[in-house]
């Protein structure tokens, strides 16, 4: 939960900084919105990375631990091995 709040705060801070930078340049030679692409790109990367990371953690299943163990001999005297997994 703590990591989710950090990711959300980072996203909000990046969005707010881009908006403040855009508002600060009004009236200084820029006529209207010229289409800033850097802030949406960075925000999308942060959001996509957070969703990808948390999605991976949620559905990760550890691999079973397996080992082979000799359980005895068959009628011909050959070893019989069995695989056990936990």
Protein backbone atom coordinates (compact mmCIF):
# COMPACT_ATOMS: atom_id res chain seq x y z
CA UNK A 1 0.00 0.00 0.00
CA UNK A 2 2.85 2.35 0.85
CA UNK A 3 4.45 1.83 -2.57
CA UNK A 4 1.14 2.52 -4.29
CA UNK A 5 0.82 5.85 -2.47
CA UNK A 6 4.40 6.78 -3.41
CA UNK A 7 3.74 5.98 -7.07
CA UNK A 8 0.52 8.00 -7.03
CA UNK A 9 2.22 10.97 -5.34
CA UNK A 10 5.01 10.88 -7.92
CA UNK A 11 2.50 10.87 -10.76
CA UNK A 12 0.59 13.81 -9.27
CA UNK A 13 3.82 15.75 -8.70
CA UNK A 14 4.95 15.22 -12.31
CA UNK A 15 1.57 16.28 -13.66
CA UNK A 16 1.47 19.37 -11.43
CA UNK A 17 5.01 20.40 -12.40
CA UNK A 18 4.19 20.16 -16.10
CA UNK A 19 1.04 22.22 -15.64
CA UNK A 20 2.90 24.89 -13.65
CA UNK A 21 5.62 25.08 -16.29
CA UNK A 22 3.01 25.53 -19.01
CA UNK A 23 1.21 28.27 -17.07
CA UNK A 24 4.46 30.08 -16.32
CA UNK A 25 5.22 30.55 -20.01
CA UNK A 26 1.91 32.16 -20.94
CA UNK A 27 2.31 35.58 -22.40
CA UNK A 28 6.00 35.15 -23.20
CA UNK A 29 5.80 34.56 -26.91
CA UNK A 30 3.68 31.42 -26.76
CA UNK A 31 0.21 31.80 -28.18
CA UNK A 32 -1.98 29.16 -26.58
CA UNK A 33 -1.17 25.55 -25.95
CA UNK A 34 1.47 24.20 -28.33
CA UNK A 35 1.18 20.54 -27.37
CA UNK A 36 3.72 19.59 -24.74
CA UNK A 37 4.49 15.92 -25.20
CA UNK A 38 7.16 15.32 -22.56
CA UNK A 39 4.93 15.40 -19.46
CA UNK A 40 2.32 12.94 -20.80
CA UNK A 41 5.11 10.65 -21.99
CA UNK A 42 6.85 10.62 -18.59
CA UNK A 43 3.53 10.24 -16.78
CA UNK A 44 2.56 7.32 -19.00
CA UNK A 45 5.92 5.67 -18.42
CA UNK A 46 5.60 6.03 -14.64
CA UNK A 47 2.01 4.80 -14.60
CA UNK A 48 2.74 1.92 -16.99
CA UNK A 49 5.76 0.87 -14.97
CA UNK A 50 3.80 0.94 -11.73
CA UNK A 51 0.96 -1.10 -13.21
CA UNK A 52 3.38 -3.58 -14.76
CA UNK A 53 5.32 -3.98 -11.52
CA UNK A 54 2.27 -4.44 -9.33
CA UNK A 55 0.61 -6.75 -11.86
CA UNK A 56 3.69 -8.97 -11.89
CA UNK A 57 3.85 -9.11 -8.11
CA UNK A 58 0.19 -9.98 -7.77
CA UNK A 59 0.18 -12.96 -10.15
CA UNK A 60 3.65 -14.36 -9.42
CA UNK A 61 3.63 -17.99 -8.30
CA UNK A 62 6.83 -19.58 -7.06
CA UNK A 63 8.06 -22.71 -8.80
CA UNK A 64 7.72 -25.95 -6.85
CA UNK A 65 10.81 -27.46 -5.25
CA UNK A 66 11.35 -31.00 -6.56
CA UNK A 67 13.83 -33.77 -5.79
CA UNK A 68 14.34 -37.39 -6.78
CA UNK A 69 14.50 -40.07 -4.15
CA UNK A 70 15.20 -43.77 -4.38
CA UNK A 71 12.22 -45.68 -2.97
CA UNK A 72 13.46 -49.27 -3.39
CA UNK A 73 14.16 -51.93 -6.00
CA UNK A 74 12.01 -53.66 -8.58
CA UNK A 75 11.82 -57.44 -9.19
CA UNK A 76 14.91 -57.41 -11.41
CA UNK A 77 17.06 -55.60 -8.83
CA UNK A 78 16.99 -52.17 -10.51
CA UNK A 79 16.64 -49.03 -8.42
CA UNK A 80 13.22 -47.34 -8.44
CA UNK A 81 13.28 -43.55 -8.21
CA UNK A 82 10.34 -41.30 -7.50
CA UNK A 83 10.06 -37.53 -7.90
CA UNK A 84 8.66 -35.56 -4.97
CA UNK A 85 7.55 -31.95 -5.24
CA UNK A 86 6.64 -29.51 -2.53
